Each structure stands twice: as structure tokens, then as C-alpha cells.
C-alpha atoms as a PDB file:
ATOM      1  CA  MET A   1     -48.484  -2.894   2.328  1.00  0.00           C
ATOM      2  CA  HIS A   2     -45.882  -1.686  -0.122  1.00  0.00           C
ATOM      3  CA  PHE A   3     -42.220  -0.958  -0.720  1.00  0.00           C
ATOM      4  CA  VAL A   4     -40.577   2.232  -1.942  1.00  0.00           C
ATOM      5  CA  PHE A   5     -37.151   2.911  -3.434  1.00  0.00           C
ATOM      6  CA  LEU A   6     -35.521   5.829  -1.650  1.00  0.00           C
ATOM      7  CA  GLY A   7     -32.639   5.579  -4.117  1.00  0.00           C
ATOM      8  CA  SER A   8     -31.695   3.381  -7.060  1.00  0.00           C
ATOM      9  CA  SER A   9     -28.236   4.483  -8.221  1.00  0.00           C
ATOM     10  CA  GLY A  10     -24.904   2.782  -7.769  1.00  0.00           C
ATOM     11  CA  ALA A  11     -22.222   4.130  -5.464  1.00  0.00           C
ATOM     12  CA  ILE A  12     -22.237   7.485  -7.302  1.00  0.00           C
ATOM     13  CA  PRO A  13     -25.599   9.278  -7.129  1.00  0.00           C
ATOM     14  CA  GLY A  14     -26.993  10.992 -10.196  1.00  0.00           C
ATOM     15  CA  ARG A  15     -28.974  14.189 -10.562  1.00  0.00           C
ATOM     16  CA  ASP A  16     -32.277  12.289 -10.378  1.00  0.00           C
ATOM     17  CA  ARG A  17     -31.232   9.104  -8.558  1.00  0.00           C
ATOM     18  CA  ASP A  18     -29.720   8.718  -5.110  1.00  0.00           C
ATOM     19  CA  THR A  19     -27.727   5.712  -3.902  1.00  0.00           C
ATOM     20  CA  THR A  20     -29.772   2.552  -3.493  1.00  0.00           C
ATOM     21  CA  SER A  21     -31.971   2.000  -0.457  1.00  0.00           C
ATOM     22  CA  LEU A  22     -35.586   1.021   0.036  1.00  0.00           C
ATOM     23  CA  VAL A  23     -38.263   0.798   2.698  1.00  0.00           C
ATOM     24  CA  PHE A  24     -40.911  -1.895   3.227  1.00  0.00           C
ATOM     25  CA  VAL A  25     -44.086  -0.520   4.799  1.00  0.00           C
ATOM     26  CA  GLY A  26     -46.783  -2.495   6.607  1.00  0.00           C
ATOM     27  CA  PRO A  27     -49.810  -1.540   8.698  1.00  0.00           C
ATOM     28  CA  ARG A  28     -47.835  -1.692  11.967  1.00  0.00           C
ATOM     29  CA  ASP A  29     -44.260  -0.841  11.107  1.00  0.00           C
ATOM     30  CA  ALA A  30     -41.673  -0.166   8.436  1.00  0.00           C
ATOM     31  CA  VAL A  31     -38.273  -1.684   7.641  1.00  0.00           C
ATOM     32  CA  LEU A  32     -35.494   0.382   6.072  1.00  0.00           C
ATOM     33  CA  VAL A  33     -32.990  -1.513   3.926  1.00  0.00           C
ATOM     34  CA  ASP A  34     -29.644   0.279   3.661  1.00  0.00           C
ATOM     35  CA  CYS A  35     -29.120   3.840   4.714  1.00  0.00           C
ATOM     36  CA  GLY A  36     -27.518   6.418   2.461  1.00  0.00           C
ATOM     37  CA  GLY A  37     -28.059  10.112   1.938  1.00  0.00           C
ATOM     38  CA  SER A  38     -30.504  11.868   4.246  1.00  0.00           C
ATOM     39  CA  PRO A  39     -32.712   8.895   5.158  1.00  0.00           C
ATOM     40  CA  ALA A  40     -35.264  10.725   7.308  1.00  0.00           C
ATOM     41  CA  GLN A  41     -35.957  13.259   4.558  1.00  0.00           C
ATOM     42  CA  LYS A  42     -36.281  10.492   1.951  1.00  0.00           C
ATOM     43  CA  LEU A  43     -38.711   8.615   4.195  1.00  0.00           C
ATOM     44  CA  LEU A  44     -40.831  11.729   4.562  1.00  0.00           C
ATOM     45  CA  MET A  45     -40.761  12.270   0.796  1.00  0.00           C
ATOM     46  CA  ALA A  46     -42.003   8.671   0.422  1.00  0.00           C
ATOM     47  CA  GLY A  47     -44.844   9.334   2.852  1.00  0.00           C
ATOM     48  CA  VAL A  48     -43.324   7.253   5.656  1.00  0.00           C
ATOM     49  CA  ASP A  49     -43.040   8.577   9.214  1.00  0.00           C
ATOM     50  CA  PRO A  50     -39.422   7.958  10.303  1.00  0.00           C
ATOM     51  CA  LEU A  51     -40.728   7.101  13.767  1.00  0.00           C
ATOM     52  CA  ALA A  52     -42.644   4.182  12.246  1.00  0.00           C
ATOM     53  CA  LEU A  53     -39.384   2.333  11.562  1.00  0.00           C
ATOM     54  CA  SER A  54     -39.074  -0.843  13.595  1.00  0.00           C
ATOM     55  CA  ARG A  55     -35.892  -2.138  11.999  1.00  0.00           C
ATOM     56  CA  VAL A  56     -32.991  -1.032   9.829  1.00  0.00           C
ATOM     57  CA  VAL A  57     -31.119  -3.651   7.821  1.00  0.00           C
ATOM     58  CA  ILE A  58     -27.634  -2.748   6.604  1.00  0.00           C
ATOM     59  CA  THR A  59     -26.675  -5.268   3.923  1.00  0.00           C
ATOM     60  CA  HIS A  60     -22.990  -4.265   3.943  1.00  0.00           C
ATOM     61  CA  ILE A  61     -20.757  -1.391   4.987  1.00  0.00           C
ATOM     62  CA  HIS A  62     -19.716   0.213   1.728  1.00  0.00           C
ATOM     63  CA  PRO A  63     -20.315   3.940   2.298  1.00  0.00           C
ATOM     64  CA  ASP A  64     -23.281   4.300  -0.055  1.00  0.00           C
ATOM     65  CA  HIS A  65     -25.203   1.687   1.973  1.00  0.00           C
ATOM     66  CA  ALA A  66     -24.336   2.759   5.510  1.00  0.00           C
ATOM     67  CA  TYR A  67     -23.130   6.351   5.738  1.00  0.00           C
ATOM     68  CA  GLY A  68     -26.577   7.771   6.540  1.00  0.00           C
ATOM     69  CA  LEU A  69     -27.050   5.659   9.680  1.00  0.00           C
ATOM     70  CA  PRO A  70     -25.699   8.256  12.169  1.00  0.00           C
ATOM     71  CA  SER A  71     -27.944  10.897  10.605  1.00  0.00           C
ATOM     72  CA  LEU A  72     -30.979   8.629  10.956  1.00  0.00           C
ATOM     73  CA  VAL A  73     -30.270   7.786  14.599  1.00  0.00           C
ATOM     74  CA  GLN A  74     -29.666  11.454  15.408  1.00  0.00           C
ATOM     75  CA  THR A  75     -32.916  12.490  13.731  1.00  0.00           C
ATOM     76  CA  LEU A  76     -34.975   9.832  15.509  1.00  0.00           C
ATOM     77  CA  PHE A  77     -33.497  10.939  18.838  1.00  0.00           C
ATOM     78  CA  LEU A  78     -34.352  14.584  18.149  1.00  0.00           C
ATOM     79  CA  LEU A  79     -37.882  13.556  17.141  1.00  0.00           C
ATOM     80  CA  GLY A  80     -38.289  12.038  20.594  1.00  0.00           C
ATOM     81  CA  ARG A  81     -38.177   8.350  19.748  1.00  0.00           C
ATOM     82  CA  GLN A  82     -38.300   6.130  22.819  1.00  0.00           C
ATOM     83  CA  ALA A  83     -39.084   2.714  21.354  1.00  0.00           C
ATOM     84  CA  PRO A  84     -36.150   0.396  20.601  1.00  0.00           C
ATOM     85  CA  LEU A  85     -34.851   0.300  17.037  1.00  0.00           C
ATOM     86  CA  HIS A  86     -33.681  -3.074  15.752  1.00  0.00           C
ATOM     87  CA  LEU A  87     -30.538  -2.940  13.638  1.00  0.00           C
ATOM     88  CA  ALA A  88     -29.711  -6.054  11.588  1.00  0.00           C
ATOM     89  CA  CYS A  89     -26.381  -6.456   9.829  1.00  0.00           C
ATOM     90  CA  ARG A  90     -23.817  -9.090   8.940  1.00  0.00           C
ATOM     91  CA  GLU A  91     -22.179 -10.238  12.155  1.00  0.00           C
ATOM     92  CA  GLU A  92     -18.823  -8.955  10.854  1.00  0.00           C
ATOM     93  CA  HIS A  93     -20.248  -5.441  10.625  1.00  0.00           C
ATOM     94  CA  ALA A  94     -21.744  -4.960  14.081  1.00  0.00           C
ATOM     95  CA  ALA A  95     -18.475  -3.628  15.527  1.00  0.00           C
ATOM     96  CA  PRO A  96     -17.733  -1.176  12.651  1.00  0.00           C
ATOM     97  CA  LEU A  97     -21.286   0.176  12.770  1.00  0.00           C
ATOM     98  CA  ARG A  98     -21.082   0.595  16.529  1.00  0.00           C
ATOM     99  CA  ALA A  99     -17.835   2.473  16.024  1.00  0.00           C
ATOM    100  CA  LEU A 100     -19.465   4.702  13.395  1.00  0.00           C
ATOM    101  CA  LEU A 101     -22.305   5.610  15.747  1.00  0.00           C
ATOM    102  CA  GLY A 102     -19.867   6.014  18.622  1.00  0.00           C
ATOM    103  CA  LEU A 103     -17.847   8.508  16.594  1.00  0.00           C
ATOM    104  CA  PHE A 104     -20.844  10.847  16.780  1.00  0.00           C
ATOM    105  CA  GLY A 105     -21.592  10.075  20.430  1.00  0.00           C
ATOM    106  CA  LEU A 106     -24.837   8.294  19.595  1.00  0.00           C
ATOM    107  CA  LEU A 107     -24.403   5.123  21.643  1.00  0.00           C
ATOM    108  CA  GLU A 108     -24.114   6.508  25.156  1.00  0.00           C
ATOM    109  CA  ARG A 109     -26.023   9.733  24.662  1.00  0.00           C
ATOM    110  CA  PRO A 110     -28.287  10.396  27.691  1.00  0.00           C
ATOM    111  CA  GLY A 111     -31.903   9.598  26.928  1.00  0.00           C
ATOM    112  CA  ILE A 112     -31.280   7.978  23.557  1.00  0.00           C
ATOM    113  CA  PHE A 113     -33.577   5.115  22.590  1.00  0.00           C
ATOM    114  CA  PRO A 114     -32.207   1.540  22.748  1.00  0.00           C
ATOM    115  CA  LEU A 115     -30.564  -0.009  19.700  1.00  0.00           C
ATOM    116  CA  VAL A 116     -31.169  -3.753  19.495  1.00  0.00           C
ATOM    117  CA  TRP A 117     -28.397  -5.358  17.451  1.00  0.00           C
ATOM    118  CA  GLU A 118     -29.294  -8.373  15.298  1.00  0.00           C
ATOM    119  CA  PRO A 119     -26.107  -9.956  13.891  1.00  0.00           C
ATOM    120  CA  VAL A 120     -26.728 -12.085  10.785  1.00  0.00           C
ATOM    121  CA  PRO A 121     -24.378 -15.040  10.193  1.00  0.00           C
ATOM    122  CA  PRO A 122     -23.171 -16.011   6.690  1.00  0.00           C
ATOM    123  CA  ARG A 123     -25.765 -18.757   6.384  1.00  0.00           C
ATOM    124  CA  GLU A 124     -28.335 -19.245   3.633  1.00  0.00           C
ATOM    125  CA  GLY A 125     -31.944 -18.868   4.703  1.00  0.00           C
ATOM    126  CA  PHE A 126     -31.257 -17.154   8.040  1.00  0.00           C
ATOM    127  CA  ALA A 127     -34.424 -15.708   9.607  1.00  0.00           C
ATOM    128  CA  VAL A 128     -33.905 -12.108  10.697  1.00  0.00           C
ATOM    129  CA  GLY A 129     -35.861 -10.895  13.726  1.00  0.00           C
ATOM    130  CA  THR A 130     -36.999 -14.261  15.089  1.00  0.00           C
ATOM    131  CA  PRO A 131     -37.284 -15.079  18.829  1.00  0.00           C
ATOM    132  CA  GLY A 132     -33.976 -14.196  20.417  1.00  0.00           C
ATOM    133  CA  GLY A 133     -33.374 -11.596  17.722  1.00  0.00           C
ATOM    134  CA  GLY A 134     -36.393  -9.346  18.131  1.00  0.00           C
ATOM    135  CA  THR A 135     -39.992  -9.352  16.958  1.00  0.00           C
ATOM    136  CA  PRO A 136     -40.632 -10.052  13.257  1.00  0.00           C
ATOM    137  CA  GLY A 137     -43.239  -7.281  12.815  1.00  0.00           C
ATOM    138  CA  ASP A 138     -45.290  -7.195   9.603  1.00  0.00           C
ATOM    139  CA  PHE A 139     -42.615  -8.913   7.512  1.00  0.00           C
ATOM    140  CA  ALA A 140     -40.751 -12.176   7.728  1.00  0.00           C
ATOM    141  CA  ILE A 141     -37.214 -11.404   6.563  1.00  0.00           C
ATOM    142  CA  THR A 142     -34.807 -14.071   5.348  1.00  0.00           C
ATOM    143  CA  ALA A 143     -31.146 -13.392   4.596  1.00  0.00           C
ATOM    144  CA  SER A 144     -28.591 -15.253   2.496  1.00  0.00           C
ATOM    145  CA  PRO A 145     -24.967 -14.324   1.809  1.00  0.00           C
ATOM    146  CA  ASN A 146     -24.242 -13.129  -1.722  1.00  0.00           C
ATOM    147  CA  ALA A 147     -21.003 -12.591  -3.678  1.00  0.00           C
ATOM    148  CA  HIS A 148     -19.659  -9.046  -3.405  1.00  0.00           C
ATOM    149  CA  GLY A 149     -15.935  -9.570  -3.703  1.00  0.00           C
ATOM    150  CA  GLY A 150     -14.158  -9.326  -0.367  1.00  0.00           C
ATOM    151  CA  MET A 151     -17.044  -7.451   1.278  1.00  0.00           C
ATOM    152  CA  PRO A 152     -19.389  -9.610   3.404  1.00  0.00           C
ATOM    153  CA  ASN A 153     -22.898  -8.896   2.191  1.00  0.00           C
ATOM    154  CA  MET A 154     -26.395 -10.366   2.141  1.00  0.00           C
ATOM    155  CA  ALA A 155     -29.495 -10.594  -0.006  1.00  0.00           C
ATOM    156  CA  LEU A 156     -32.923 -10.324   1.628  1.00  0.00           C
ATOM    157  CA  ARG A 157     -36.357 -11.893   1.120  1.00  0.00           C
ATOM    158  CA  PHE A 158     -39.463 -10.115   2.444  1.00  0.00           C
ATOM    159  CA  GLU A 159     -42.704 -12.013   2.972  1.00  0.00           C
ATOM    160  CA  ALA A 160     -46.036 -11.166   4.575  1.00  0.00           C
ATOM    161  CA  PRO A 161     -49.112 -13.389   4.988  1.00  0.00           C
ATOM    162  CA  GLY A 162     -51.150 -13.507   1.809  1.00  0.00           C
ATOM    163  CA  ARG A 163     -48.718 -11.264  -0.088  1.00  0.00           C
ATOM    164  CA  PRO A 164     -46.204 -12.109  -2.829  1.00  0.00           C
ATOM    165  CA  ALA A 165     -42.580 -12.368  -1.727  1.00  0.00           C
ATOM    166  CA  VAL A 166     -39.981  -9.788  -2.781  1.00  0.00           C
ATOM    167  CA  VAL A 167     -36.227 -10.459  -2.902  1.00  0.00           C
ATOM    168  CA  TYR A 168     -33.503  -7.808  -2.912  1.00  0.00           C
ATOM    169  CA  SER A 169     -30.095  -8.927  -4.167  1.00  0.00           C
ATOM    170  CA  SER A 170     -28.087  -5.995  -2.741  1.00  0.00           C
ATOM    171  CA  ASP A 171     -24.686  -5.552  -4.449  1.00  0.00           C
ATOM    172  CA  THR A 172     -23.564  -8.853  -5.929  1.00  0.00           C
ATOM    173  CA  GLU A 173     -22.052 -10.741  -8.774  1.00  0.00           C
ATOM    174  CA  PRO A 174     -24.383 -13.376 -10.285  1.00  0.00           C
ATOM    175  CA  CYS A 175     -24.872 -15.679  -7.327  1.00  0.00           C
ATOM    176  CA  ALA A 176     -26.524 -19.079  -6.809  1.00  0.00           C
ATOM    177  CA  ALA A 177     -27.571 -18.102  -3.281  1.00  0.00           C
ATOM    178  CA  VAL A 178     -29.563 -15.127  -4.582  1.00  0.00           C
ATOM    179  CA  GLU A 179     -31.171 -17.348  -7.216  1.00  0.00           C
ATOM    180  CA  ALA A 180     -32.166 -19.858  -4.527  1.00  0.00           C
ATOM    181  CA  LEU A 181     -33.506 -17.118  -2.242  1.00  0.00           C
ATOM    182  CA  ALA A 182     -35.666 -15.779  -5.094  1.00  0.00           C
ATOM    183  CA  ARG A 183     -37.314 -19.093  -6.027  1.00  0.00           C
ATOM    184  CA  GLY A 184     -41.046 -18.859  -5.467  1.00  0.00           C
ATOM    185  CA  ALA A 185     -40.945 -15.073  -5.106  1.00  0.00           C
ATOM    186  CA  HIS A 186     -42.956 -12.750  -7.311  1.00  0.00           C
ATOM    187  CA  THR A 187     -40.435  -9.904  -7.612  1.00  0.00           C
ATOM    188  CA  LEU A 188     -36.653  -9.885  -7.724  1.00  0.00           C
ATOM    189  CA  ILE A 189     -34.938  -6.541  -7.190  1.00  0.00           C
ATOM    190  CA  HIS A 190     -31.502  -7.151  -8.643  1.00  0.00           C
ATOM    191  CA  GLU A 191     -28.568  -4.847  -9.031  1.00  0.00           C
ATOM    192  CA  ALA A 192     -27.615  -3.904 -12.608  1.00  0.00           C
ATOM    193  CA  THR A 193     -24.559  -1.758 -12.078  1.00  0.00           C
ATOM    194  CA  PHE A 194     -23.175  -2.455 -15.533  1.00  0.00           C
ATOM    195  CA  SER A 195     -24.214  -3.171 -19.106  1.00  0.00           C
ATOM    196  CA  GLU A 196     -22.866  -5.794 -21.463  1.00  0.00           C
ATOM    197  CA  ARG A 197     -22.348  -3.018 -23.987  1.00  0.00           C
ATOM    198  CA  ARG A 198     -19.630  -1.386 -21.866  1.00  0.00           C
ATOM    199  CA  PRO A 199     -16.490  -2.798 -20.283  1.00  0.00           C
ATOM    200  CA  ARG A 200     -16.838  -3.342 -16.574  1.00  0.00           C
ATOM    201  CA  GLY A 201     -15.117  -0.646 -14.587  1.00  0.00           C
ATOM    202  CA  MET A 202     -15.134  -2.529 -11.295  1.00  0.00           C
ATOM    203  CA  GLY A 203     -15.761  -6.057 -10.113  1.00  0.00           C
ATOM    204  CA  ALA A 204     -18.173  -7.745  -7.736  1.00  0.00           C
ATOM    205  CA  HIS A 205     -21.271  -6.465  -9.546  1.00  0.00           C
ATOM    206  CA  SER A 206     -23.717  -7.624 -12.239  1.00  0.00           C
ATOM    207  CA  THR A 207     -24.849  -6.495 -15.669  1.00  0.00           C
ATOM    208  CA  ALA A 208     -28.511  -6.106 -16.581  1.00  0.00           C
ATOM    209  CA  ALA A 209     -28.190  -9.233 -18.725  1.00  0.00           C
ATOM    210  CA  GLN A 210     -26.868 -11.221 -15.783  1.00  0.00           C
ATOM    211  CA  ALA A 211     -29.724  -9.950 -13.619  1.00  0.00           C
ATOM    212  CA  GLY A 212     -32.111 -11.207 -16.294  1.00  0.00           C
ATOM    213  CA  GLU A 213     -30.471 -14.622 -16.265  1.00  0.00           C
ATOM    214  CA  ILE A 214     -30.797 -14.920 -12.482  1.00  0.00           C
ATOM    215  CA  ALA A 215     -34.458 -13.866 -12.643  1.00  0.00           C
ATOM    216  CA  ALA A 216     -35.164 -16.440 -15.357  1.00  0.00           C
ATOM    217  CA  ARG A 217     -33.514 -19.276 -13.436  1.00  0.00           C
ATOM    218  CA  ALA A 218     -35.316 -18.289 -10.237  1.00  0.00           C
ATOM    219  CA  GLY A 219     -38.671 -18.277 -12.032  1.00  0.00           C
ATOM    220  CA  VAL A 220     -39.870 -14.922 -10.703  1.00  0.00           C
ATOM    221  CA  THR A 221     -42.622 -12.927 -12.390  1.00  0.00           C
ATOM    222  CA  ARG A 222     -41.077  -9.465 -12.233  1.00  0.00           C
ATOM    223  CA  LEU A 223     -37.510  -8.148 -12.296  1.00  0.00           C
ATOM    224  CA  ILE A 224     -36.725  -4.630 -11.080  1.00  0.00           C
ATOM    225  CA  LEU A 225     -33.271  -3.293 -11.918  1.00  0.00           C
ATOM    226  CA  ALA A 226     -31.578  -1.126  -9.286  1.00  0.00           C
ATOM    227  CA  HIS A 227     -28.097   0.021  -8.201  1.00  0.00           C
ATOM    228  CA  ILE A 228     -27.537   1.379 -11.706  1.00  0.00           C
ATOM    229  CA  ASP A 229     -24.217   3.053 -12.422  1.00  0.00           C
ATOM    230  CA  ALA A 230     -24.547   6.822 -12.836  1.00  0.00           C
ATOM    231  CA  GLY A 231     -23.008   6.566 -16.311  1.00  0.00           C
ATOM    232  CA  LEU A 232     -25.997   4.487 -17.431  1.00  0.00           C
ATOM    233  CA  HIS A 233     -28.779   6.730 -16.135  1.00  0.00           C
ATOM    234  CA  GLY A 234     -29.270   8.115 -19.637  1.00  0.00           C
ATOM    235  CA  GLU A 235     -29.522   4.620 -21.166  1.00  0.00           C
ATOM    236  CA  LEU A 236     -32.247   3.059 -19.061  1.00  0.00           C
ATOM    237  CA  ASP A 237     -34.347   1.790 -21.982  1.00  0.00           C
ATOM    238  CA  ALA A 238     -31.340  -0.041 -23.397  1.00  0.00           C
ATOM    239  CA  LEU A 239     -30.571  -1.490 -19.973  1.00  0.00           C
ATOM    240  CA  ARG A 240     -34.140  -2.753 -19.658  1.00  0.00           C
ATOM    241  CA  GLU A 241     -33.984  -4.378 -23.095  1.00  0.00           C
ATOM    242  CA  GLU A 242     -30.693  -6.057 -22.193  1.00  0.00           C
ATOM    243  CA  ALA A 243     -32.389  -7.771 -19.259  1.00  0.00           C
ATOM    244  CA  ARG A 244     -35.491  -8.587 -21.315  1.00  0.00           C
ATOM    245  CA  ALA A 245     -33.353 -10.508 -23.784  1.00  0.00           C
ATOM    246  CA  ARG A 246     -32.556 -12.976 -20.969  1.00  0.00           C
ATOM    247  CA  PHE A 247     -35.795 -12.919 -18.948  1.00  0.00           C
ATOM    248  CA  PRO A 248     -39.321 -13.520 -20.324  1.00  0.00           C
ATOM    249  CA  GLY A 249     -41.182 -11.814 -17.477  1.00  0.00           C
ATOM    250  CA  THR A 250     -41.775  -8.159 -16.678  1.00  0.00           C
ATOM    251  CA  VAL A 251     -38.656  -5.988 -16.468  1.00  0.00           C
ATOM    252  CA  GLU A 252     -38.728  -2.547 -14.869  1.00  0.00           C
ATOM    253  CA  ILE A 253     -36.230   0.116 -13.914  1.00  0.00           C
ATOM    254  CA  ALA A 254     -36.607   1.086 -10.261  1.00  0.00           C
ATOM    255  CA  ARG A 255     -38.646   4.260  -9.790  1.00  0.00           C
ATOM    256  CA  GLU A 256     -37.798   6.321  -6.739  1.00  0.00           C
ATOM    257  CA  LEU A 257     -40.395   7.513  -4.193  1.00  0.00           C
ATOM    258  CA  VAL A 258     -43.154   5.551  -5.949  1.00  0.00           C
ATOM    259  CA  PRO A 259     -45.074   2.959  -3.873  1.00  0.00           C
ATOM    260  CA  TYR A 260     -44.946  -0.616  -5.204  1.00  0.00           C
ATOM    261  CA  PRO A 261     -47.977  -2.451  -3.717  1.00  0.00           C
ATOM    262  CA  LEU A 262     -47.420  -5.898  -2.268  1.00  0.00           C
END
């Protein structure tokens, strides 16, 4: 069991980093979190069969997190998928995502596999994929709302029996709900769009230092920085040290297409 970053950049991709998404892989299925770029190709590059996906979770509908969904659905259809695909999202985003897929004729296409929608309410500790919302598969997934300006969004916790828990903040300002979701987890994947050394160009995000503070308060063992602004891709060591100044555990910069064992 492992997870893989398919991308680790902020909204603007860099030469060596695509926009942030990741996949959690178990012995029976795989769960894709956010869907930018060419997701099927990235899954193949990560050694994951796109047909193995049981669920896609869209944390929010900013383009860099959702624009690849029609491409993924189209590819799975052309590959002959017949099994249902569960699609979890904030309840506010089910209609816009349906409209996006409908724009490409992917909802009523003859012979297309079923999409099982799993709306997630803005409630801390909501269990995704429980009875009534689909089968949980290899991972128990818990969602909590975070703080991303006016955009409804959610952080996610992944757990499997006998394995350390992993929490993904998605895009967020420093947020008590993310801190609470990460308590008792081993790894926190937290966005670090900005650095304290540079003025913030846009709101509703975190610096590496703030990510370190959240990790320290949550008591995790490892912090992985992701969703890094393209302007900081050449300053990754400095970004890591900024987080280390606030967090005594292990700090890493997300590495793309590299398996992280659970």
C-alpha cells in the first residue's frame, strides 16, 4: 500500500512539477485525489492502472484540481470500463461537476459506466464511502472542511488497518479543522504555496512556516510540503528549512511519481 504524487505544484505548473494531485493505492483498488492535467497518463507513469480506480475525490472546483475529470472519464470509457466509479466531492460541487461532464456528453453517453456521486457535507469528521455512500474499499476516508476563502473545500484523512494515517490538507489557510483531522496521523501533506520571505500574492493559502506550525500542533511525525507556487520551485531547500524552523519532525518536499509506502 502506498501513495504517489501525480503533481505537487500550485495552480501554475512548472517545468518539472504539475498541479497537485495524488493517488492512494491498495491491494484491491486505488483512490485518486484531485484531477488535473492528463490524469490517466500520470497514473500510468506512477505504475497505476487507471482501471483500478474505485473512487475519485475532488476536494474543490478550482481548475487545477478538477479540469482533468472529463479527460479521465473519457479515457476510462474508451478503455472499456464497466464497473461503477465513485465520485466524492463537496455537496456544493456535485452540480457543477455534472455540468462539466455533461458539456462533453459524458453523462448520457450510450454504454458509459455508472458514476456514483458521493456528496460530502461541510461537517468535520465525515466518513466518505460508508454504507449509503458506496463501499469503503482499502481505505477509510474522512473529510473535514478547511479554509480556502470563498471556495468550499475539504481536507482528507486516509487510514487502512495496521497502517499509519495520512492527512492531505488540500488548498487552505492555516486551519484548526485540518489540525484536528491530523491528530494521531503519521504524515501530514500540507500545502505550502507561499514563503514567509516573499509577500503573499494571493490569499486563502499557507506558507511553509504555517504548514510547519500546523504539523507541530497536530503532533505528526512527518510533514510533506505540496502545492508549491511555481515561483518557489527553485527555492525548495529554503522552503523546507522554513518549515523545519517551526516543526521538529521530518520535513520533505513532495516528490512526484515516487511511491511513498504506507
